[in-house]
Amino acid sequence: MLISATRPSPLDAIFGIRKPLIGDIHLPPLPGTPRYRGEPMTSIIDRALADADAFIRGGMDGIILENHGDIPFLKPSEIGPEIIAAMAAIAGRVADAVDAPFGINLLANGAIGALAIAKASGARFIRVNQWVNAYVSNEGLIEGESARALRYRKQIDALDVAIFADVHVKHGSHAIVDDRSVSEQAGDVEFYDADVAIATGNRTGEAVPETEIAAVRAGTGLPIIAGSGITPANARAILNSLDGAIVGSSLKTDGVWWNPVAIDRVQALVEQMKPLRDMP
């Protein structure tokens, strides 16, 4: 069934390369969150800049900024202005320092706040973990933000900011929509005007199952990227059937998400990707 009109791939428009690799900068705890210990914003910004530099020098095609240190996460309507202000400040510095496309992921599921940060900083895309439907997360019931977010994007004249949306988001229970297949949920993501679909494993760092990739592919004509679990060891096998990937944990020192980016790990991943990019 035709879900929406055929659109040019935003991955081509944003990155200009086949199967782009996007490095995930897991920001440390930001001011006002439980694990924040008074670090000056200058130190947080310097850490983000160092990670961004390592990703790009290692050969990644773009980056995404994520407030992953703000555990436990709030629901979208409860995310305070201090978090949005801090992320905008960091993103602005990254934009000045790195000549590469970047995006924003405001946890948990803060699509409207992420659009505001993107507009202020020049980010090219945002990631939204629950774009349509609903699921039960560690934060409680999370509902899709698409209707409000698309109207807000229009309001602030940010139509050039692409929406990268998870189809079957990790870290949660999908019992609410368990009567609908992953393929149907992928179709919903496209029908509600996301630009890129994301397939993930069950938790941060877990590889995307082949069955999940196939199910998402069967339900949408959107480009599909991996949202977790890509490593230098499995990149060729998994990305052979995907259009790109967001990669974080496996590229950090010792493979731990809160550690700094290890440029040798980045280079190893990029090297593994070369044969896939050279294929016709």
C-alpha atoms as a PDB file:
ATOM      1  CA  MET A   1       0.000   0.000   0.000  1.00  0.00           C
ATOM      2  CA  LEU A   2       1.277   3.451  -0.901  1.00  0.00           C
ATOM      3  CA  ILE A   3       1.671   5.415   2.344  1.00  0.00           C
ATOM      4  CA  SER A   4       3.076   8.729   1.128  1.00  0.00           C
ATOM      5  CA  ALA A   5       4.480  10.405  -1.931  1.00  0.00           C
ATOM      6  CA  THR A   6       8.032   9.482  -2.908  1.00  0.00           C
ATOM      7  CA  ARG A   7      10.544  11.950  -1.485  1.00  0.00           C
ATOM      8  CA  PRO A   8      14.256  12.484  -2.107  1.00  0.00           C
ATOM      9  CA  SER A   9      16.423  10.838   0.544  1.00  0.00           C
ATOM     10  CA  PRO A  10      17.349  13.345   3.257  1.00  0.00           C
ATOM     11  CA  LEU A  11      20.453  11.265   3.941  1.00  0.00           C
ATOM     12  CA  ASP A  12      21.745  12.202   0.497  1.00  0.00           C
ATOM     13  CA  ALA A  13      20.842  15.850   1.011  1.00  0.00           C
ATOM     14  CA  ILE A  14      22.412  16.086   4.467  1.00  0.00           C
ATOM     15  CA  PHE A  15      25.499  13.887   4.181  1.00  0.00           C
ATOM     16  CA  GLY A  16      26.137  13.454   0.452  1.00  0.00           C
ATOM     17  CA  ILE A  17      27.615   9.984   0.908  1.00  0.00           C
ATOM     18  CA  ARG A  18      26.338   6.433   0.729  1.00  0.00           C
ATOM     19  CA  LYS A  19      25.498   4.831   4.089  1.00  0.00           C
ATOM     20  CA  PRO A  20      26.512   7.753   6.326  1.00  0.00           C
ATOM     21  CA  LEU A  21      27.956   7.096   9.778  1.00  0.00           C
ATOM     22  CA  ILE A  22      26.824   9.440  12.550  1.00  0.00           C
ATOM     23  CA  GLY A  23      28.816   9.588  15.783  1.00  0.00           C
ATOM     24  CA  ASP A  24      26.786   9.853  18.983  1.00  0.00           C
ATOM     25  CA  ILE A  25      28.126  12.328  21.554  1.00  0.00           C
ATOM     26  CA  HIS A  26      26.732  11.208  24.903  1.00  0.00           C
ATOM     27  CA  LEU A  27      26.844  14.415  26.912  1.00  0.00           C
ATOM     28  CA  PRO A  28      27.657  14.216  30.630  1.00  0.00           C
ATOM     29  CA  PRO A  29      25.000  15.273  33.178  1.00  0.00           C
ATOM     30  CA  LEU A  30      23.800  18.808  32.503  1.00  0.00           C
ATOM     31  CA  PRO A  31      23.013  21.454  35.153  1.00  0.00           C
ATOM     32  CA  GLY A  32      19.910  20.650  37.154  1.00  0.00           C
ATOM     33  CA  THR A  33      19.988  16.875  36.671  1.00  0.00           C
ATOM     34  CA  PRO A  34      20.523  14.361  39.504  1.00  0.00           C
ATOM     35  CA  ARG A  35      24.017  13.261  38.468  1.00  0.00           C
ATOM     36  CA  TYR A  36      25.343  16.772  37.792  1.00  0.00           C
ATOM     37  CA  ARG A  37      28.158  17.634  40.206  1.00  0.00           C
ATOM     38  CA  GLY A  38      28.761  21.301  39.482  1.00  0.00           C
ATOM     39  CA  GLU A  39      31.089  21.009  36.486  1.00  0.00           C
ATOM     40  CA  PRO A  40      31.373  24.355  34.669  1.00  0.00           C
ATOM     41  CA  MET A  41      29.707  24.528  31.276  1.00  0.00           C
ATOM     42  CA  THR A  42      33.099  25.231  29.758  1.00  0.00           C
ATOM     43  CA  SER A  43      34.268  21.752  30.796  1.00  0.00           C
ATOM     44  CA  ILE A  44      31.136  20.096  29.391  1.00  0.00           C
ATOM     45  CA  ILE A  45      31.548  22.001  26.129  1.00  0.00           C
ATOM     46  CA  ASP A  46      35.252  21.086  25.899  1.00  0.00           C
ATOM     47  CA  ARG A  47      34.385  17.401  26.305  1.00  0.00           C
ATOM     48  CA  ALA A  48      31.766  17.619  23.551  1.00  0.00           C
ATOM     49  CA  LEU A  49      34.212  19.396  21.248  1.00  0.00           C
ATOM     50  CA  ALA A  50      36.880  16.749  21.882  1.00  0.00           C
ATOM     51  CA  ASP A  51      34.435  13.943  21.059  1.00  0.00           C
ATOM     52  CA  ALA A  52      33.215  15.744  17.943  1.00  0.00           C
ATOM     53  CA  ASP A  53      36.786  16.285  16.761  1.00  0.00           C
ATOM     54  CA  ALA A  54      37.683  12.613  17.304  1.00  0.00           C
ATOM     55  CA  PHE A  55      34.616  11.455  15.396  1.00  0.00           C
ATOM     56  CA  ILE A  56      35.261  13.680  12.400  1.00  0.00           C
ATOM     57  CA  ARG A  57      39.046  13.140  12.285  1.00  0.00           C
ATOM     58  CA  GLY A  58      38.344   9.406  12.495  1.00  0.00           C
ATOM     59  CA  GLY A  59      36.174   9.602   9.386  1.00  0.00           C
ATOM     60  CA  MET A  60      32.562   9.799  10.584  1.00  0.00           C
ATOM     61  CA  ASP A  61      30.195  11.719   8.313  1.00  0.00           C
ATOM     62  CA  GLY A  62      28.249  13.552  11.005  1.00  0.00           C
ATOM     63  CA  ILE A  63      27.475  13.668  14.712  1.00  0.00           C
ATOM     64  CA  ILE A  64      24.483  13.815  17.022  1.00  0.00           C
ATOM     65  CA  LEU A  65      24.376  15.434  20.459  1.00  0.00           C
ATOM     66  CA  GLU A  66      22.413  13.540  23.110  1.00  0.00           C
ATOM     67  CA  ASN A  67      21.845  14.432  26.775  1.00  0.00           C
ATOM     68  CA  HIS A  68      22.406  10.826  27.794  1.00  0.00           C
ATOM     69  CA  GLY A  69      23.955  11.794  31.122  1.00  0.00           C
ATOM     70  CA  ASP A  70      20.681  13.310  32.357  1.00  0.00           C
ATOM     71  CA  ILE A  71      19.501   9.996  33.795  1.00  0.00           C
ATOM     72  CA  PRO A  72      16.781   9.543  34.982  1.00  0.00           C
ATOM     73  CA  PHE A  73      15.068  11.251  32.075  1.00  0.00           C
ATOM     74  CA  LEU A  74      11.982  13.412  32.267  1.00  0.00           C
ATOM     75  CA  LYS A  75       8.938  13.279  30.034  1.00  0.00           C
ATOM     76  CA  PRO A  76       9.001  15.880  27.222  1.00  0.00           C
ATOM     77  CA  SER A  77       6.707  18.407  28.923  1.00  0.00           C
ATOM     78  CA  GLU A  78       8.851  18.318  32.079  1.00  0.00           C
ATOM     79  CA  ILE A  79      12.249  19.008  30.484  1.00  0.00           C
ATOM     80  CA  GLY A  80      13.377  22.325  31.942  1.00  0.00           C
ATOM     81  CA  PRO A  81      14.659  25.406  30.112  1.00  0.00           C
ATOM     82  CA  GLU A  82      18.063  24.869  31.730  1.00  0.00           C
ATOM     83  CA  ILE A  83      18.549  21.673  29.687  1.00  0.00           C
ATOM     84  CA  ILE A  84      17.462  23.232  26.409  1.00  0.00           C
ATOM     85  CA  ALA A  85      19.676  26.260  27.076  1.00  0.00           C
ATOM     86  CA  ALA A  86      22.680  24.078  27.916  1.00  0.00           C
ATOM     87  CA  MET A  87      22.251  21.915  24.830  1.00  0.00           C
ATOM     88  CA  ALA A  88      21.834  24.968  22.605  1.00  0.00           C
ATOM     89  CA  ALA A  89      25.052  26.428  24.015  1.00  0.00           C
ATOM     90  CA  ILE A  90      26.927  23.183  23.388  1.00  0.00           C
ATOM     91  CA  ALA A  91      25.463  22.726  19.905  1.00  0.00           C
ATOM     92  CA  GLY A  92      26.398  26.272  18.942  1.00  0.00           C
ATOM     93  CA  ARG A  93      30.023  25.677  19.875  1.00  0.00           C
ATOM     94  CA  VAL A  94      30.072  22.356  18.026  1.00  0.00           C
ATOM     95  CA  ALA A  95      28.630  24.051  14.937  1.00  0.00           C
ATOM     96  CA  ASP A  96      31.476  26.588  14.996  1.00  0.00           C
ATOM     97  CA  ALA A  97      34.171  23.963  15.502  1.00  0.00           C
ATOM     98  CA  VAL A  98      33.162  21.080  13.223  1.00  0.00           C
ATOM     99  CA  ASP A  99      32.609  21.185   9.477  1.00  0.00           C
ATOM    100  CA  ALA A 100      30.076  18.364   9.363  1.00  0.00           C
ATOM    101  CA  PRO A 101      26.300  17.935   9.675  1.00  0.00           C
ATOM    102  CA  PHE A 102      25.019  17.398  13.192  1.00  0.00           C
ATOM    103  CA  GLY A 103      21.762  16.564  14.902  1.00  0.00           C
ATOM    104  CA  ILE A 104      20.038  16.726  18.287  1.00  0.00           C
ATOM    105  CA  ASN A 105      18.429  14.053  20.480  1.00  0.00           C
ATOM    106  CA  LEU A 106      16.715  15.563  23.530  1.00  0.00           C
ATOM    107  CA  LEU A 107      15.867  12.804  25.994  1.00  0.00           C
ATOM    108  CA  ALA A 108      13.337  11.659  26.718  1.00  0.00           C
ATOM    109  CA  ASN A 109      11.435  12.159  23.484  1.00  0.00           C
ATOM    110  CA  GLY A 110      11.719  15.957  23.533  1.00  0.00           C
ATOM    111  CA  ALA A 111      10.907  16.584  19.890  1.00  0.00           C
ATOM    112  CA  ILE A 112       9.794  20.198  20.293  1.00  0.00           C
ATOM    113  CA  GLY A 113      12.747  21.161  22.461  1.00  0.00           C
ATOM    114  CA  ALA A 114      15.109  19.413  20.031  1.00  0.00           C
ATOM    115  CA  LEU A 115      13.645  21.426  17.151  1.00  0.00           C
ATOM    116  CA  ALA A 116      14.223  24.639  19.094  1.00  0.00           C
ATOM    117  CA  ILE A 117      17.851  23.675  19.735  1.00  0.00           C
ATOM    118  CA  ALA A 118      18.305  22.694  16.096  1.00  0.00           C
ATOM    119  CA  LYS A 119      16.886  25.978  14.840  1.00  0.00           C
ATOM    120  CA  ALA A 120      19.121  27.987  17.193  1.00  0.00           C
ATOM    121  CA  SER A 121      22.303  26.065  16.395  1.00  0.00           C
ATOM    122  CA  GLY A 122      21.976  25.085  12.741  1.00  0.00           C
ATOM    123  CA  ALA A 123      21.524  21.358  13.336  1.00  0.00           C
ATOM    124  CA  ARG A 124      20.303  19.484  10.252  1.00  0.00           C
ATOM    125  CA  PHE A 125      18.197  16.805  11.945  1.00  0.00           C
ATOM    126  CA  ILE A 126      16.707  15.602  15.215  1.00  0.00           C
ATOM    127  CA  ARG A 127      16.165  12.097  16.535  1.00  0.00           C
ATOM    128  CA  VAL A 128      12.811  11.324  18.137  1.00  0.00           C
ATOM    129  CA  ASN A 129      12.475   7.994  19.911  1.00  0.00           C
ATOM    130  CA  GLN A 130       8.660   7.825  19.883  1.00  0.00           C
ATOM    131  CA  TRP A 131       7.320   9.769  16.905  1.00  0.00           C
ATOM    132  CA  VAL A 132       3.909   8.064  16.677  1.00  0.00           C
ATOM    133  CA  ASN A 133       1.795   5.724  18.813  1.00  0.00           C
ATOM    134  CA  ALA A 134       2.888   5.091  22.427  1.00  0.00           C
ATOM    135  CA  TYR A 135       4.938   2.807  24.631  1.00  0.00           C
ATOM    136  CA  VAL A 136       5.780   2.309  28.291  1.00  0.00           C
ATOM    137  CA  SER A 137       9.296   3.477  29.088  1.00  0.00           C
ATOM    138  CA  ASN A 138      11.372   3.938  32.225  1.00  0.00           C
ATOM    139  CA  GLU A 139       9.818   7.423  32.323  1.00  0.00           C
ATOM    140  CA  GLY A 140       6.262   6.064  32.203  1.00  0.00           C
ATOM    141  CA  LEU A 141       3.801   6.298  29.334  1.00  0.00           C
ATOM    142  CA  ILE A 142       5.392   8.085  26.359  1.00  0.00           C
ATOM    143  CA  GLU A 143       3.130   9.231  23.541  1.00  0.00           C
ATOM    144  CA  GLY A 144       4.105  10.210  20.013  1.00  0.00           C
ATOM    145  CA  GLU A 145       5.027  13.882  19.587  1.00  0.00           C
ATOM    146  CA  SER A 146       4.602  14.116  15.812  1.00  0.00           C
ATOM    147  CA  ALA A 147       1.433  16.206  15.556  1.00  0.00           C
ATOM    148  CA  ARG A 148       2.651  18.910  17.925  1.00  0.00           C
ATOM    149  CA  ALA A 149       6.249  18.761  16.715  1.00  0.00           C
ATOM    150  CA  LEU A 150       5.402  19.163  13.033  1.00  0.00           C
ATOM    151  CA  ARG A 151       3.250  22.191  13.792  1.00  0.00           C
ATOM    152  CA  TYR A 152       6.020  23.671  15.921  1.00  0.00           C
ATOM    153  CA  ARG A 153       8.584  23.033  13.153  1.00  0.00           C
ATOM    154  CA  LYS A 154       6.329  24.949  10.779  1.00  0.00           C
ATOM    155  CA  GLN A 155       5.842  27.752  13.303  1.00  0.00           C
ATOM    156  CA  ILE A 156       9.570  28.387  13.757  1.00  0.00           C
ATOM    157  CA  ASP A 157      10.350  27.976  10.038  1.00  0.00           C
ATOM    158  CA  ALA A 158      12.523  24.902  10.566  1.00  0.00           C
ATOM    159  CA  LEU A 159      11.271  22.771   7.670  1.00  0.00           C
ATOM    160  CA  ASP A 160      14.898  22.130   6.715  1.00  0.00           C
ATOM    161  CA  VAL A 161      15.413  20.170   9.963  1.00  0.00           C
ATOM    162  CA  ALA A 162      14.840  16.481   9.168  1.00  0.00           C
ATOM    163  CA  ILE A 163      13.073  14.059  11.500  1.00  0.00           C
ATOM    164  CA  PHE A 164      14.882  10.771  12.250  1.00  0.00           C
ATOM    165  CA  ALA A 165      12.327   8.596  14.046  1.00  0.00           C
ATOM    166  CA  ASP A 166      12.696   5.283  15.865  1.00  0.00           C
ATOM    167  CA  VAL A 167      10.208   2.650  14.787  1.00  0.00           C
ATOM    168  CA  HIS A 168      10.353   0.225  17.731  1.00  0.00           C
ATOM    169  CA  VAL A 169      12.272   2.211  20.293  1.00  0.00           C
ATOM    170  CA  LYS A 170      14.607   0.501  22.771  1.00  0.00           C
ATOM    171  CA  HIS A 171      14.360   0.676  26.578  1.00  0.00           C
ATOM    172  CA  GLY A 172      10.642   0.061  26.825  1.00  0.00           C
ATOM    173  CA  SER A 173       7.586  -2.130  26.540  1.00  0.00           C
ATOM    174  CA  HIS A 174       5.434  -2.066  23.427  1.00  0.00           C
ATOM    175  CA  ALA A 175       2.469  -3.931  24.877  1.00  0.00           C
ATOM    176  CA  ILE A 176       0.193  -0.978  24.056  1.00  0.00           C
ATOM    177  CA  VAL A 177       0.707  -1.557  20.323  1.00  0.00           C
ATOM    178  CA  ASP A 178       1.442  -5.279  20.516  1.00  0.00           C
ATOM    179  CA  ASP A 179      -1.536  -6.022  18.285  1.00  0.00           C
ATOM    180  CA  ARG A 180       0.228  -4.173  15.460  1.00  0.00           C
ATOM    181  CA  SER A 181       3.324  -5.465  13.709  1.00  0.00           C
ATOM    182  CA  VAL A 182       6.659  -3.672  13.509  1.00  0.00           C
ATOM    183  CA  SER A 183       5.997  -3.240   9.787  1.00  0.00           C
ATOM    184  CA  GLU A 184       2.729  -1.458  10.527  1.00  0.00           C
ATOM    185  CA  GLN A 185       4.484   0.783  13.025  1.00  0.00           C
ATOM    186  CA  ALA A 186       7.137   1.581  10.418  1.00  0.00           C
ATOM    187  CA  GLY A 187       4.335   2.603   8.077  1.00  0.00           C
ATOM    188  CA  ASP A 188       2.962   4.899  10.777  1.00  0.00           C
ATOM    189  CA  VAL A 189       6.334   6.645  11.087  1.00  0.00           C
ATOM    190  CA  GLU A 190       6.300   7.392   7.364  1.00  0.00           C
ATOM    191  CA  PHE A 191       2.605   8.339   7.284  1.00  0.00           C
ATOM    192  CA  TYR A 192       3.278  10.901  10.019  1.00  0.00           C
ATOM    193  CA  ASP A 193       5.970  12.594   7.928  1.00  0.00           C
ATOM    194  CA  ALA A 194       9.231  11.399   9.456  1.00  0.00           C
ATOM    195  CA  ASP A 195      12.139  11.627   7.019  1.00  0.00           C
ATOM    196  CA  VAL A 196      14.289   8.690   8.173  1.00  0.00           C
ATOM    197  CA  ALA A 197      13.301   5.541  10.072  1.00  0.00           C
ATOM    198  CA  ILE A 198      15.552   4.112  12.793  1.00  0.00           C
ATOM    199  CA  ALA A 199      15.813   0.429  13.699  1.00  0.00           C
ATOM    200  CA  THR A 200      17.350  -0.412  17.084  1.00  0.00           C
ATOM    201  CA  GLY A 201      18.145  -3.254  19.425  1.00  0.00           C
ATOM    202  CA  ASN A 202      16.436  -3.585  22.795  1.00  0.00           C
ATOM    203  CA  ARG A 203      18.964  -1.557  24.789  1.00  0.00           C
ATOM    204  CA  THR A 204      21.809   0.915  24.240  1.00  0.00           C
ATOM    205  CA  GLY A 205      24.676  -0.878  22.525  1.00  0.00           C
ATOM    206  CA  GLU A 206      22.638  -3.936  21.470  1.00  0.00           C
ATOM    207  CA  ALA A 207      22.739  -4.837  17.782  1.00  0.00           C
ATOM    208  CA  VAL A 208      19.645  -4.521  15.614  1.00  0.00           C
ATOM    209  CA  PRO A 209      18.155  -7.978  14.947  1.00  0.00           C
ATOM    210  CA  GLU A 210      17.928  -8.955  11.289  1.00  0.00           C
ATOM    211  CA  THR A 211      14.247  -9.711  11.750  1.00  0.00           C
ATOM    212  CA  GLU A 212      13.642  -6.169  12.977  1.00  0.00           C
ATOM    213  CA  ILE A 213      15.428  -4.645  10.002  1.00  0.00           C
ATOM    214  CA  ALA A 214      13.382  -6.795   7.615  1.00  0.00           C
ATOM    215  CA  ALA A 215      10.139  -5.844   9.352  1.00  0.00           C
ATOM    216  CA  VAL A 216      10.887  -2.126   9.217  1.00  0.00           C
ATOM    217  CA  ARG A 217      11.946  -2.381   5.579  1.00  0.00           C
ATOM    218  CA  ALA A 218       8.700  -4.162   4.716  1.00  0.00           C
ATOM    219  CA  GLY A 219       6.640  -1.343   6.192  1.00  0.00           C
ATOM    220  CA  THR A 220       8.220   1.801   4.825  1.00  0.00           C
ATOM    221  CA  GLY A 221       9.954   3.278   1.823  1.00  0.00           C
ATOM    222  CA  LEU A 222      11.918   5.702   3.992  1.00  0.00           C
ATOM    223  CA  PRO A 223      15.689   5.382   4.381  1.00  0.00           C
ATOM    224  CA  ILE A 224      16.441   3.168   7.389  1.00  0.00           C
ATOM    225  CA  ILE A 225      19.440   3.548   9.671  1.00  0.00           C
ATOM    226  CA  ALA A 226      20.649   1.625  12.715  1.00  0.00           C
ATOM    227  CA  GLY A 227      20.181   3.340  16.050  1.00  0.00           C
ATOM    228  CA  SER A 228      22.252   1.054  18.247  1.00  0.00           C
ATOM    229  CA  GLY A 229      24.704  -1.818  18.381  1.00  0.00           C
ATOM    230  CA  ILE A 230      26.961  -1.168  15.387  1.00  0.00           C
ATOM    231  CA  THR A 231      30.605  -2.136  15.950  1.00  0.00           C
ATOM    232  CA  PRO A 232      33.614  -2.535  13.651  1.00  0.00           C
ATOM    233  CA  ALA A 233      33.092  -6.300  13.907  1.00  0.00           C
ATOM    234  CA  ASN A 234      29.453  -6.395  12.788  1.00  0.00           C
ATOM    235  CA  ALA A 235      29.185  -3.271  10.629  1.00  0.00           C
ATOM    236  CA  ARG A 236      29.435  -4.972   7.238  1.00  0.00           C
ATOM    237  CA  ALA A 237      26.896  -7.659   8.090  1.00  0.00           C
ATOM    238  CA  ILE A 238      24.290  -5.309   9.549  1.00  0.00           C
ATOM    239  CA  LEU A 239      24.762  -2.238   7.367  1.00  0.00           C
ATOM    240  CA  ASN A 240      24.597  -4.272   4.180  1.00  0.00           C
ATOM    241  CA  SER A 241      20.806  -4.074   4.577  1.00  0.00           C
ATOM    242  CA  LEU A 242      20.599  -0.547   6.033  1.00  0.00           C
ATOM    243  CA  ASP A 243      21.177   2.980   4.740  1.00  0.00           C
ATOM    244  CA  GLY A 244      23.447   4.254   7.497  1.00  0.00           C
ATOM    245  CA  ALA A 245      23.901   4.254  11.262  1.00  0.00           C
ATOM    246  CA  ILE A 246      24.129   6.248  14.466  1.00  0.00           C
ATOM    247  CA  VAL A 247      27.044   4.784  16.423  1.00  0.00           C
ATOM    248  CA  GLY A 248      28.087   5.640  19.957  1.00  0.00           C
ATOM    249  CA  SER A 249      29.030   3.159  22.663  1.00  0.00           C
ATOM    250  CA  SER A 250      31.293   0.898  20.608  1.00  0.00           C
ATOM    251  CA  LEU A 251      33.426   3.889  19.579  1.00  0.00           C
ATOM    252  CA  LYS A 252      34.127   5.050  23.114  1.00  0.00           C
ATOM    253  CA  THR A 253      37.147   3.990  25.180  1.00  0.00           C
ATOM    254  CA  ASP A 254      36.581   0.402  26.371  1.00  0.00           C
ATOM    255  CA  GLY A 255      33.212   0.437  24.586  1.00  0.00           C
ATOM    256  CA  VAL A 256      31.528   2.307  27.468  1.00  0.00           C
ATOM    257  CA  TRP A 257      29.120   5.085  26.502  1.00  0.00           C
ATOM    258  CA  TRP A 258      30.250   7.632  29.106  1.00  0.00           C
ATOM    259  CA  ASN A 259      33.935   7.410  28.123  1.00  0.00           C
ATOM    260  CA  PRO A 260      35.637   9.683  25.556  1.00  0.00           C
ATOM    261  CA  VAL A 261      35.598   8.776  21.868  1.00  0.00           C
ATOM    262  CA  ALA A 262      38.508   6.512  20.883  1.00  0.00           C
ATOM    263  CA  ILE A 263      39.685   7.596  17.449  1.00  0.00           C
ATOM    264  CA  ASP A 264      41.233   4.193  16.675  1.00  0.00           C
ATOM    265  CA  ARG A 265      37.829   2.571  17.116  1.00  0.00           C
ATOM    266  CA  VAL A 266      36.268   5.171  14.825  1.00  0.00           C
ATOM    267  CA  GLN A 267      38.888   4.538  12.155  1.00  0.00           C
ATOM    268  CA  ALA A 268      38.350   0.778  12.402  1.00  0.00           C
ATOM    269  CA  LEU A 269      34.604   1.209  11.807  1.00  0.00           C
ATOM    270  CA  VAL A 270      35.112   3.553   8.869  1.00  0.00           C
ATOM    271  CA  GLU A 271      37.578   1.099   7.325  1.00  0.00           C
ATOM    272  CA  GLN A 272      35.046  -1.717   7.599  1.00  0.00           C
ATOM    273  CA  MET A 273      32.470   0.409   5.794  1.00  0.00           C
ATOM    274  CA  LYS A 274      34.565   1.108   2.688  1.00  0.00           C
ATOM    275  CA  PRO A 275      33.570  -2.055   0.757  1.00  0.00           C
ATOM    276  CA  LEU A 276      29.862  -1.331   1.330  1.00  0.00           C
ATOM    277  CA  ARG A 277      30.210   2.201   0.060  1.00  0.00           C
ATOM    278  CA  ASP A 278      32.068   1.076  -3.039  1.00  0.00           C
ATOM    279  CA  MET A 279      29.317  -1.356  -4.046  1.00  0.00           C
ATOM    280  CA  PRO A 280      27.160  -0.310  -7.043  1.00  0.00           C
END
